[in-house]
C-alpha atoms as a PDB file:
ATOM      1  CA  MET A   1      33.673  77.737  22.375  1.00  0.00           C
ATOM      2  CA  LEU A   2      33.685  75.327  25.311  1.00  0.00           C
ATOM      3  CA  ALA A   3      29.955  75.059  25.066  1.00  0.00           C
ATOM      4  CA  GLN A   4      30.179  74.136  21.373  1.00  0.00           C
ATOM      5  CA  ILE A   5      32.836  71.531  22.133  1.00  0.00           C
ATOM      6  CA  GLY A   6      30.692  70.099  24.919  1.00  0.00           C
ATOM      7  CA  VAL A   7      27.650  69.846  22.648  1.00  0.00           C
ATOM      8  CA  GLY A   8      29.706  68.201  19.876  1.00  0.00           C
ATOM      9  CA  THR A   9      31.162  65.710  22.302  1.00  0.00           C
ATOM     10  CA  LEU A  10      27.692  64.940  23.591  1.00  0.00           C
ATOM     11  CA  PHE A  11      26.358  64.268  20.096  1.00  0.00           C
ATOM     12  CA  LEU A  12      29.392  62.110  19.296  1.00  0.00           C
ATOM     13  CA  ALA A  13      28.937  60.095  22.460  1.00  0.00           C
ATOM     14  CA  PHE A  14      25.242  59.703  21.646  1.00  0.00           C
ATOM     15  CA  PHE A  15      25.932  58.389  18.150  1.00  0.00           C
ATOM     16  CA  ILE A  16      28.654  56.050  19.406  1.00  0.00           C
ATOM     17  CA  THR A  17      26.307  54.684  22.060  1.00  0.00           C
ATOM     18  CA  LEU A  18      23.527  54.252  19.488  1.00  0.00           C
ATOM     19  CA  PHE A  19      25.917  52.462  17.144  1.00  0.00           C
ATOM     20  CA  ILE A  20      27.007  50.106  19.910  1.00  0.00           C
ATOM     21  CA  ILE A  21      23.386  49.357  20.803  1.00  0.00           C
ATOM     22  CA  ILE A  22      22.565  48.588  17.175  1.00  0.00           C
ATOM     23  CA  ILE A  23      25.604  46.337  16.868  1.00  0.00           C
ATOM     24  CA  LEU A  24      24.726  44.474  20.048  1.00  0.00           C
ATOM     25  CA  ALA A  25      21.107  44.102  18.977  1.00  0.00           C
ATOM     26  CA  SER A  26      22.141  42.675  15.633  1.00  0.00           C
ATOM     27  CA  SER A  27      24.622  40.362  17.342  1.00  0.00           C
ATOM     28  CA  ILE A  28      21.998  38.673  19.495  1.00  0.00           C
ATOM     29  CA  LYS A  29      19.874  36.003  17.836  1.00  0.00           C
ATOM     30  CA  ILE A  30      17.114  33.962  19.413  1.00  0.00           C
ATOM     31  CA  VAL A  31      17.245  30.345  18.231  1.00  0.00           C
ATOM     32  CA  THR A  32      14.069  28.281  18.585  1.00  0.00           C
ATOM     33  CA  GLU A  33      13.943  24.706  19.837  1.00  0.00           C
ATOM     34  CA  TYR A  34      13.687  23.189  16.334  1.00  0.00           C
ATOM     35  CA  GLU A  35      16.610  25.205  14.904  1.00  0.00           C
ATOM     36  CA  ARG A  36      20.380  25.215  15.165  1.00  0.00           C
ATOM     37  CA  VAL A  37      22.747  27.973  14.065  1.00  0.00           C
ATOM     38  CA  VAL A  38      26.052  26.870  12.564  1.00  0.00           C
ATOM     39  CA  ILE A  39      28.617  29.660  13.054  1.00  0.00           C
ATOM     40  CA  PHE A  40      31.710  30.271  10.941  1.00  0.00           C
ATOM     41  CA  ARG A  41      34.178  32.700  12.512  1.00  0.00           C
ATOM     42  CA  VAL A  42      36.672  34.208  10.088  1.00  0.00           C
ATOM     43  CA  GLY A  43      35.831  31.354   7.730  1.00  0.00           C
ATOM     44  CA  ARG A  44      36.487  28.620  10.280  1.00  0.00           C
ATOM     45  CA  LEU A  45      33.794  26.381  11.694  1.00  0.00           C
ATOM     46  CA  LYS A  46      32.902  27.438  15.209  1.00  0.00           C
ATOM     47  CA  GLY A  47      30.136  24.896  15.773  1.00  0.00           C
ATOM     48  CA  ALA A  48      26.371  24.627  16.086  1.00  0.00           C
ATOM     49  CA  LYS A  49      24.616  26.803  18.661  1.00  0.00           C
ATOM     50  CA  GLY A  50      21.119  26.816  20.114  1.00  0.00           C
ATOM     51  CA  PRO A  51      18.460  26.776  21.218  1.00  0.00           C
ATOM     52  CA  GLY A  52      18.217  30.066  23.153  1.00  0.00           C
ATOM     53  CA  LEU A  53      20.271  33.266  22.878  1.00  0.00           C
ATOM     54  CA  VAL A  54      23.269  33.131  20.552  1.00  0.00           C
ATOM     55  CA  ILE A  55      25.877  35.892  20.193  1.00  0.00           C
ATOM     56  CA  ILE A  56      27.088  36.465  16.649  1.00  0.00           C
ATOM     57  CA  LEU A  57      29.993  38.846  16.271  1.00  0.00           C
ATOM     58  CA  PRO A  58      29.492  41.357  13.471  1.00  0.00           C
ATOM     59  CA  ILE A  59      31.734  41.257  10.405  1.00  0.00           C
ATOM     60  CA  ILE A  60      33.810  38.251  11.532  1.00  0.00           C
ATOM     61  CA  ASP A  61      30.970  35.747  12.065  1.00  0.00           C
ATOM     62  CA  ARG A  62      28.773  34.168   9.417  1.00  0.00           C
ATOM     63  CA  LYS A  63      25.777  32.028  10.344  1.00  0.00           C
ATOM     64  CA  LYS A  64      23.676  29.338   8.679  1.00  0.00           C
ATOM     65  CA  VAL A  65      20.330  28.357  10.195  1.00  0.00           C
ATOM     66  CA  ILE A  66      19.429  24.659   9.980  1.00  0.00           C
ATOM     67  CA  ASP A  67      15.848  23.424  10.521  1.00  0.00           C
ATOM     68  CA  LEU A  68      15.686  20.163  12.502  1.00  0.00           C
ATOM     69  CA  ARG A  69      11.997  19.445  11.905  1.00  0.00           C
ATOM     70  CA  LEU A  70      10.715  16.620   9.725  1.00  0.00           C
ATOM     71  CA  LEU A  71      10.621  17.742   6.106  1.00  0.00           C
ATOM     72  CA  THR A  72       8.747  16.323   3.127  1.00  0.00           C
ATOM     73  CA  LEU A  73      10.249  16.078  -0.317  1.00  0.00           C
ATOM     74  CA  ASP A  74       8.057  15.463  -3.353  1.00  0.00           C
ATOM     75  CA  VAL A  75       9.845  13.338  -5.925  1.00  0.00           C
ATOM     76  CA  PRO A  76       8.514  14.422  -9.340  1.00  0.00           C
ATOM     77  CA  LYS A  77       6.975  11.847 -11.639  1.00  0.00           C
ATOM     78  CA  GLN A  78       9.637   9.660 -13.227  1.00  0.00           C
ATOM     79  CA  ARG A  79       9.187   7.710 -16.469  1.00  0.00           C
ATOM     80  CA  ILE A  80      10.762   4.307 -15.851  1.00  0.00           C
ATOM     81  CA  ILE A  81      11.062   1.078 -17.846  1.00  0.00           C
ATOM     82  CA  THR A  82      10.493  -1.963 -15.649  1.00  0.00           C
ATOM     83  CA  LYS A  83      12.381  -5.238 -15.885  1.00  0.00           C
ATOM     84  CA  ASP A  84       9.709  -6.694 -18.199  1.00  0.00           C
ATOM     85  CA  ASN A  85       9.935  -3.657 -20.549  1.00  0.00           C
ATOM     86  CA  VAL A  86       6.788  -1.826 -19.437  1.00  0.00           C
ATOM     87  CA  THR A  87       6.948   1.974 -19.326  1.00  0.00           C
ATOM     88  CA  VAL A  88       5.425   3.416 -16.140  1.00  0.00           C
ATOM     89  CA  ASP A  89       5.220   6.852 -14.539  1.00  0.00           C
ATOM     90  CA  VAL A  90       6.015   6.751 -10.820  1.00  0.00           C
ATOM     91  CA  ASP A  91       6.188   9.493  -8.208  1.00  0.00           C
ATOM     92  CA  ALA A  92       6.964   9.346  -4.505  1.00  0.00           C
ATOM     93  CA  VAL A  93       7.351  11.376  -1.334  1.00  0.00           C
ATOM     94  CA  VAL A  94      10.374  11.286   0.988  1.00  0.00           C
ATOM     95  CA  TYR A  95      10.266  12.147   4.702  1.00  0.00           C
ATOM     96  CA  PHE A  96      13.584  13.248   6.186  1.00  0.00           C
ATOM     97  CA  ARG A  97      15.163  15.452   8.835  1.00  0.00           C
ATOM     98  CA  VAL A  98      18.584  16.842   9.670  1.00  0.00           C
ATOM     99  CA  SER A  99      20.300  14.775  12.349  1.00  0.00           C
ATOM    100  CA  ASP A 100      23.683  16.556  12.234  1.00  0.00           C
ATOM    101  CA  PRO A 101      23.425  20.310  11.525  1.00  0.00           C
ATOM    102  CA  VAL A 102      27.193  20.742  11.199  1.00  0.00           C
ATOM    103  CA  ALA A 103      27.463  18.048   8.521  1.00  0.00           C
ATOM    104  CA  ALA A 104      24.420  19.462   6.716  1.00  0.00           C
ATOM    105  CA  ALA A 105      26.120  22.862   6.601  1.00  0.00           C
ATOM    106  CA  VAL A 106      29.654  21.707   5.774  1.00  0.00           C
ATOM    107  CA  LYS A 107      29.455  18.431   3.815  1.00  0.00           C
ATOM    108  CA  VAL A 108      26.902  19.490   1.185  1.00  0.00           C
ATOM    109  CA  ARG A 109      25.979  22.826  -0.346  1.00  0.00           C
ATOM    110  CA  ASP A 110      22.204  22.239  -0.498  1.00  0.00           C
ATOM    111  CA  TYR A 111      21.112  19.093   1.300  1.00  0.00           C
ATOM    112  CA  VAL A 112      17.486  19.443   0.160  1.00  0.00           C
ATOM    113  CA  MET A 113      18.391  19.595  -3.533  1.00  0.00           C
ATOM    114  CA  ALA A 114      20.970  16.836  -3.152  1.00  0.00           C
ATOM    115  CA  SER A 115      18.437  14.590  -1.410  1.00  0.00           C
ATOM    116  CA  SER A 116      15.860  15.277  -4.125  1.00  0.00           C
ATOM    117  CA  LEU A 117      18.212  14.344  -6.974  1.00  0.00           C
ATOM    118  CA  LEU A 118      19.392  11.241  -5.129  1.00  0.00           C
ATOM    119  CA  ALA A 119      15.782  10.182  -4.487  1.00  0.00           C
ATOM    120  CA  GLN A 120      14.949  10.479  -8.196  1.00  0.00           C
ATOM    121  CA  THR A 121      17.963   8.387  -9.193  1.00  0.00           C
ATOM    122  CA  THR A 122      17.295   5.734  -6.551  1.00  0.00           C
ATOM    123  CA  LEU A 123      13.623   5.506  -7.520  1.00  0.00           C
ATOM    124  CA  ARG A 124      14.541   4.859 -11.159  1.00  0.00           C
ATOM    125  CA  ASP A 125      17.183   2.279 -10.220  1.00  0.00           C
ATOM    126  CA  VAL A 126      14.961   0.274  -7.864  1.00  0.00           C
ATOM    127  CA  ILE A 127      11.845   0.303 -10.061  1.00  0.00           C
ATOM    128  CA  GLY A 128      13.908  -0.610 -13.117  1.00  0.00           C
ATOM    129  CA  GLN A 129      15.022  -3.847 -11.433  1.00  0.00           C
ATOM    130  CA  VAL A 130      11.523  -5.255 -10.826  1.00  0.00           C
ATOM    131  CA  GLU A 131       8.658  -6.407 -13.034  1.00  0.00           C
ATOM    132  CA  LEU A 132       5.320  -4.642 -13.256  1.00  0.00           C
ATOM    133  CA  ASP A 133       3.459  -7.247 -11.175  1.00  0.00           C
ATOM    134  CA  GLU A 134       5.982  -6.903  -8.361  1.00  0.00           C
ATOM    135  CA  LEU A 135       5.770  -3.107  -8.544  1.00  0.00           C
ATOM    136  CA  LEU A 136       1.991  -3.207  -8.154  1.00  0.00           C
ATOM    137  CA  SER A 137       1.852  -5.905  -5.468  1.00  0.00           C
ATOM    138  CA  LYS A 138       4.947  -5.072  -3.374  1.00  0.00           C
ATOM    139  CA  ARG A 139       4.849  -1.282  -3.277  1.00  0.00           C
ATOM    140  CA  GLU A 140       5.481  -1.093   0.473  1.00  0.00           C
ATOM    141  CA  GLU A 141       8.491  -3.423   0.247  1.00  0.00           C
ATOM    142  CA  LEU A 142       9.983  -1.352  -2.582  1.00  0.00           C
ATOM    143  CA  SER A 143       9.416   1.849  -0.589  1.00  0.00           C
ATOM    144  CA  LYS A 144      11.376   0.403   2.340  1.00  0.00           C
ATOM    145  CA  ARG A 145      14.192  -0.617  -0.007  1.00  0.00           C
ATOM    146  CA  ILE A 146      14.409   2.923  -1.413  1.00  0.00           C
ATOM    147  CA  GLN A 147      14.329   4.375   2.108  1.00  0.00           C
ATOM    148  CA  SER A 148      17.219   2.141   3.194  1.00  0.00           C
ATOM    149  CA  ILE A 149      19.359   3.138   0.199  1.00  0.00           C
ATOM    150  CA  LEU A 150      18.664   6.856   0.677  1.00  0.00           C
ATOM    151  CA  ASP A 151      19.296   6.733   4.424  1.00  0.00           C
ATOM    152  CA  GLU A 152      22.671   5.090   3.938  1.00  0.00           C
ATOM    153  CA  ALA A 153      23.710   7.556   1.212  1.00  0.00           C
ATOM    154  CA  THR A 154      22.604  10.727   3.047  1.00  0.00           C
ATOM    155  CA  GLU A 155      24.095   9.787   6.417  1.00  0.00           C
ATOM    156  CA  ALA A 156      27.326  11.580   5.505  1.00  0.00           C
ATOM    157  CA  TRP A 157      25.330  14.769   4.883  1.00  0.00           C
ATOM    158  CA  GLY A 158      23.797  14.716   8.355  1.00  0.00           C
ATOM    159  CA  VAL A 159      20.400  13.780   6.904  1.00  0.00           C
ATOM    160  CA  LYS A 160      18.168  10.998   8.259  1.00  0.00           C
ATOM    161  CA  VAL A 161      15.588   9.557   5.832  1.00  0.00           C
ATOM    162  CA  THR A 162      12.736   8.241   7.975  1.00  0.00           C
ATOM    163  CA  ALA A 163      10.285   7.016   5.317  1.00  0.00           C
ATOM    164  CA  VAL A 164       9.585   6.798   1.598  1.00  0.00           C
ATOM    165  CA  ALA A 165       6.158   6.297   0.042  1.00  0.00           C
ATOM    166  CA  ILE A 166       5.500   5.431  -3.594  1.00  0.00           C
ATOM    167  CA  ARG A 167       2.353   7.446  -4.257  1.00  0.00           C
ATOM    168  CA  ASP A 168       1.175   6.759  -7.781  1.00  0.00           C
ATOM    169  CA  VAL A 169       1.966   4.269 -10.532  1.00  0.00           C
ATOM    170  CA  VAL A 170       0.575   5.142 -13.967  1.00  0.00           C
ATOM    171  CA  ILE A 171       0.722   2.496 -16.693  1.00  0.00           C
ATOM    172  CA  PRO A 172      -0.136   2.930 -20.411  1.00  0.00           C
ATOM    173  CA  GLU A 173      -3.787   2.591 -21.469  1.00  0.00           C
ATOM    174  CA  SER A 174      -2.988  -0.385 -23.692  1.00  0.00           C
ATOM    175  CA  MET A 175      -1.463  -2.169 -20.706  1.00  0.00           C
ATOM    176  CA  GLN A 176      -4.478  -1.240 -18.574  1.00  0.00           C
ATOM    177  CA  ARG A 177      -6.815  -2.853 -21.118  1.00  0.00           C
ATOM    178  CA  ALA A 178      -4.621  -5.960 -21.268  1.00  0.00           C
ATOM    179  CA  MET A 179      -4.588  -6.211 -17.467  1.00  0.00           C
ATOM    180  CA  ALA A 180      -8.377  -5.785 -17.373  1.00  0.00           C
ATOM    181  CA  LYS A 181      -8.792  -8.650 -19.858  1.00  0.00           C
ATOM    182  CA  GLN A 182      -6.388 -10.788 -17.852  1.00  0.00           C
ATOM    183  CA  ALA A 183      -8.292 -10.066 -14.641  1.00  0.00           C
ATOM    184  CA  GLU A 184     -11.598 -10.914 -16.351  1.00  0.00           C
ATOM    185  CA  ALA A 185     -10.167 -14.190 -17.664  1.00  0.00           C
ATOM    186  CA  GLU A 186      -8.879 -15.027 -14.183  1.00  0.00           C
ATOM    187  CA  ARG A 187     -12.308 -14.355 -12.669  1.00  0.00           C
ATOM    188  CA  GLU A 188     -13.934 -16.551 -15.334  1.00  0.00           C
ATOM    189  CA  ARG A 189     -11.447 -19.343 -14.606  1.00  0.00           C
ATOM    190  CA  ARG A 190     -12.123 -19.159 -10.879  1.00  0.00           C
ATOM    191  CA  SER A 191     -15.875 -19.185 -11.510  1.00  0.00           C
ATOM    192  CA  ARG A 192     -15.589 -22.324 -13.630  1.00  0.00           C
ATOM    193  CA  VAL A 193     -13.412 -24.013 -11.032  1.00  0.00           C
ATOM    194  CA  ILE A 194     -15.938 -23.215  -8.313  1.00  0.00           C
ATOM    195  CA  MET A 195     -18.808 -24.540 -10.462  1.00  0.00           C
ATOM    196  CA  ALA A 196     -16.886 -27.738 -11.248  1.00  0.00           C
ATOM    197  CA  GLU A 197     -16.069 -28.255  -7.575  1.00  0.00           C
ATOM    198  CA  GLY A 198     -19.738 -27.711  -6.722  1.00  0.00           C
ATOM    199  CA  GLU A 199     -20.879 -30.237  -9.318  1.00  0.00           C
ATOM    200  CA  LEU A 200     -18.337 -32.759  -8.072  1.00  0.00           C
ATOM    201  CA  GLU A 201     -19.487 -32.303  -4.496  1.00  0.00           C
ATOM    202  CA  ALA A 202     -23.132 -32.637  -5.579  1.00  0.00           C
ATOM    203  CA  ALA A 203     -22.340 -35.837  -7.511  1.00  0.00           C
ATOM    204  CA  LYS A 204     -20.631 -37.292  -4.444  1.00  0.00           C
ATOM    205  CA  LYS A 205     -23.638 -36.460  -2.279  1.00  0.00           C
ATOM    206  CA  MET A 206     -26.011 -37.986  -4.840  1.00  0.00           C
ATOM    207  CA  ALA A 207     -23.927 -41.171  -4.942  1.00  0.00           C
ATOM    208  CA  GLU A 208     -24.014 -41.356  -1.150  1.00  0.00           C
ATOM    209  CA  ALA A 209     -27.789 -40.821  -1.195  1.00  0.00           C
ATOM    210  CA  ALA A 210     -28.284 -43.549  -3.829  1.00  0.00           C
ATOM    211  CA  SER A 211     -26.247 -45.983  -1.757  1.00  0.00           C
ATOM    212  CA  TYR A 212     -28.231 -45.051   1.342  1.00  0.00           C
ATOM    213  CA  TYR A 213     -31.624 -45.534  -0.335  1.00  0.00           C
ATOM    214  CA  ALA A 214     -30.507 -48.811  -1.945  1.00  0.00           C
ATOM    215  CA  GLU A 215     -29.961 -50.250   1.521  1.00  0.00           C
ATOM    216  CA  ARG A 216     -33.209 -48.763   2.918  1.00  0.00           C
ATOM    217  CA  PRO A 217     -36.214 -49.310   0.584  1.00  0.00           C
ATOM    218  CA  ILE A 218     -38.647 -47.825   3.090  1.00  0.00           C
ATOM    219  CA  ALA A 219     -36.682 -44.584   3.213  1.00  0.00           C
ATOM    220  CA  LEU A 220     -36.684 -44.499  -0.590  1.00  0.00           C
ATOM    221  CA  ARG A 221     -40.454 -44.959  -0.611  1.00  0.00           C
ATOM    222  CA  LEU A 222     -40.889 -42.129   1.906  1.00  0.00           C
ATOM    223  CA  ARG A 223     -38.713 -39.890  -0.198  1.00  0.00           C
ATOM    224  CA  GLU A 224     -40.802 -40.742  -3.249  1.00  0.00           C
ATOM    225  CA  LEU A 225     -43.993 -39.857  -1.411  1.00  0.00           C
ATOM    226  CA  GLN A 226     -42.460 -36.588  -0.226  1.00  0.00           C
ATOM    227  CA  THR A 227     -41.524 -35.719  -3.799  1.00  0.00           C
ATOM    228  CA  TRP A 228     -45.052 -36.441  -5.039  1.00  0.00           C
ATOM    229  CA  SER A 229     -46.417 -34.317  -2.206  1.00  0.00           C
ATOM    230  CA  GLU A 230     -44.246 -31.364  -3.204  1.00  0.00           C
ATOM    231  CA  ILE A 231     -45.274 -31.703  -6.857  1.00  0.00           C
ATOM    232  CA  ALA A 232     -48.945 -31.844  -5.896  1.00  0.00           C
ATOM    233  CA  ARG A 233     -48.570 -28.746  -3.692  1.00  0.00           C
ATOM    234  CA  GLU A 234     -46.938 -26.739  -6.478  1.00  0.00           C
ATOM    235  CA  LYS A 235     -49.392 -27.846  -9.219  1.00  0.00           C
ATOM    236  CA  ASN A 236     -52.456 -27.732  -6.941  1.00  0.00           C
ATOM    237  CA  MET A 237     -53.405 -31.280  -7.806  1.00  0.00           C
ATOM    238  CA  ILE A 238     -54.167 -34.588  -6.104  1.00  0.00           C
ATOM    239  CA  VAL A 239     -51.753 -37.442  -6.609  1.00  0.00           C
ATOM    240  CA  VAL A 240     -52.862 -41.024  -6.008  1.00  0.00           C
ATOM    241  CA  THR A 241     -49.958 -43.369  -5.434  1.00  0.00           C
ATOM    242  CA  GLU A 242     -49.860 -47.112  -5.507  1.00  0.00           C
ATOM    243  CA  SER A 243     -49.994 -48.701  -2.042  1.00  0.00           C
ATOM    244  CA  ALA A 244     -47.959 -51.656  -0.872  1.00  0.00           C
ATOM    245  CA  PHE A 245     -51.074 -53.908  -0.883  1.00  0.00           C
ATOM    246  CA  SER A 246     -51.884 -53.071  -4.475  1.00  0.00           C
ATOM    247  CA  GLN A 247     -48.286 -53.755  -5.422  1.00  0.00           C
ATOM    248  CA  GLN A 248     -48.449 -57.175  -3.767  1.00  0.00           C
ATOM    249  CA  PHE A 249     -51.869 -57.891  -5.309  1.00  0.00           C
ATOM    250  CA  GLY A 250     -50.584 -56.947  -8.744  1.00  0.00           C
ATOM    251  CA  ALA A 251     -47.610 -59.232  -8.291  1.00  0.00           C
ATOM    252  CA  LEU A 252     -49.978 -62.080  -7.265  1.00  0.00           C
ATOM    253  CA  LEU A 253     -52.124 -61.566 -10.374  1.00  0.00           C
ATOM    254  CA  GLY A 254     -48.996 -61.664 -12.472  1.00  0.00           C
ATOM    255  CA  LEU A 255     -47.975 -64.985 -10.975  1.00  0.00           C
ATOM    256  CA  ILE A 256     -51.465 -66.463 -11.554  1.00  0.00           C
ATOM    257  CA  LYS A 257     -51.498 -65.365 -15.195  1.00  0.00           C
ATOM    258  CA  SER A 258     -48.015 -66.748 -15.681  1.00  0.00           C
ATOM    259  CA  SER A 259     -49.003 -70.143 -14.229  1.00  0.00           C
ATOM    260  CA  GLN A 260     -52.120 -70.250 -16.435  1.00  0.00           C
ATOM    261  CA  ARG A 261     -50.037 -69.628 -19.548  1.00  0.00           C
ATOM    262  CA  GLU A 262     -47.635 -72.398 -18.584  1.00  0.00           C
ATOM    263  CA  SER A 263     -50.574 -74.852 -18.047  1.00  0.00           C
ATOM    264  CA  SER A 264     -52.091 -74.012 -21.416  1.00  0.00           C
ATOM    265  CA  GLN A 265     -48.779 -74.507 -23.154  1.00  0.00           C
ATOM    266  CA  LYS A 266     -48.373 -77.977 -21.560  1.00  0.00           C
ATOM    267  CA  GLU A 267     -51.836 -79.072 -22.746  1.00  0.00           C
END
């Protein structure tokens, strides 16, 4: 009888010891550097613990693990009407992290879902206040504006929005064709302006050259000879030009003939 009682007591002590070991093992939690454990004891907030070993009392304690690393949130494509009544599809990505684990656990039920819905609403509001040209040309500025609005709104939830990036802007095909025609017309206009400016500059240079040669007949004659030389080189021909002596001799013959005509008329 005593032996049976001793064996029963031994088994009971063994099971009690095993139960205590299991309870203690389940009560100890290792918290990594990028995590915090928010503990609620009998329903009341106990605080955030970690990193390292954290004791969680069975039955009376409830824990919620909060990740402090930078998280990315994909904002699904939103169909938005811009200020100038153009329908566009815009999506974005939000970078955020938890700065206050207690607030993230107490102030909001699901801070990731809440941040996602708020990001969608803010994206529609901001894009709806600008025109299409501003959306396409000032994407970085609009991203910073969205980030500022989100950061201010999520501060109460213990969430810090570090950056927002507008990834893609899709416009209707009809608008794409219209923009392509507008860009082509703009390129044509710039080309014509450049050609007109070039012609004006060339005309100015030609006027300066004409004035220069008018004051320097010898330079004009040299330029003429150079031109004839280039023509002869291209056409593979010999060009004979009139010399200064022949010009003077021709002028002298003209004067003699003129004087002879005047003498004959007088007779």
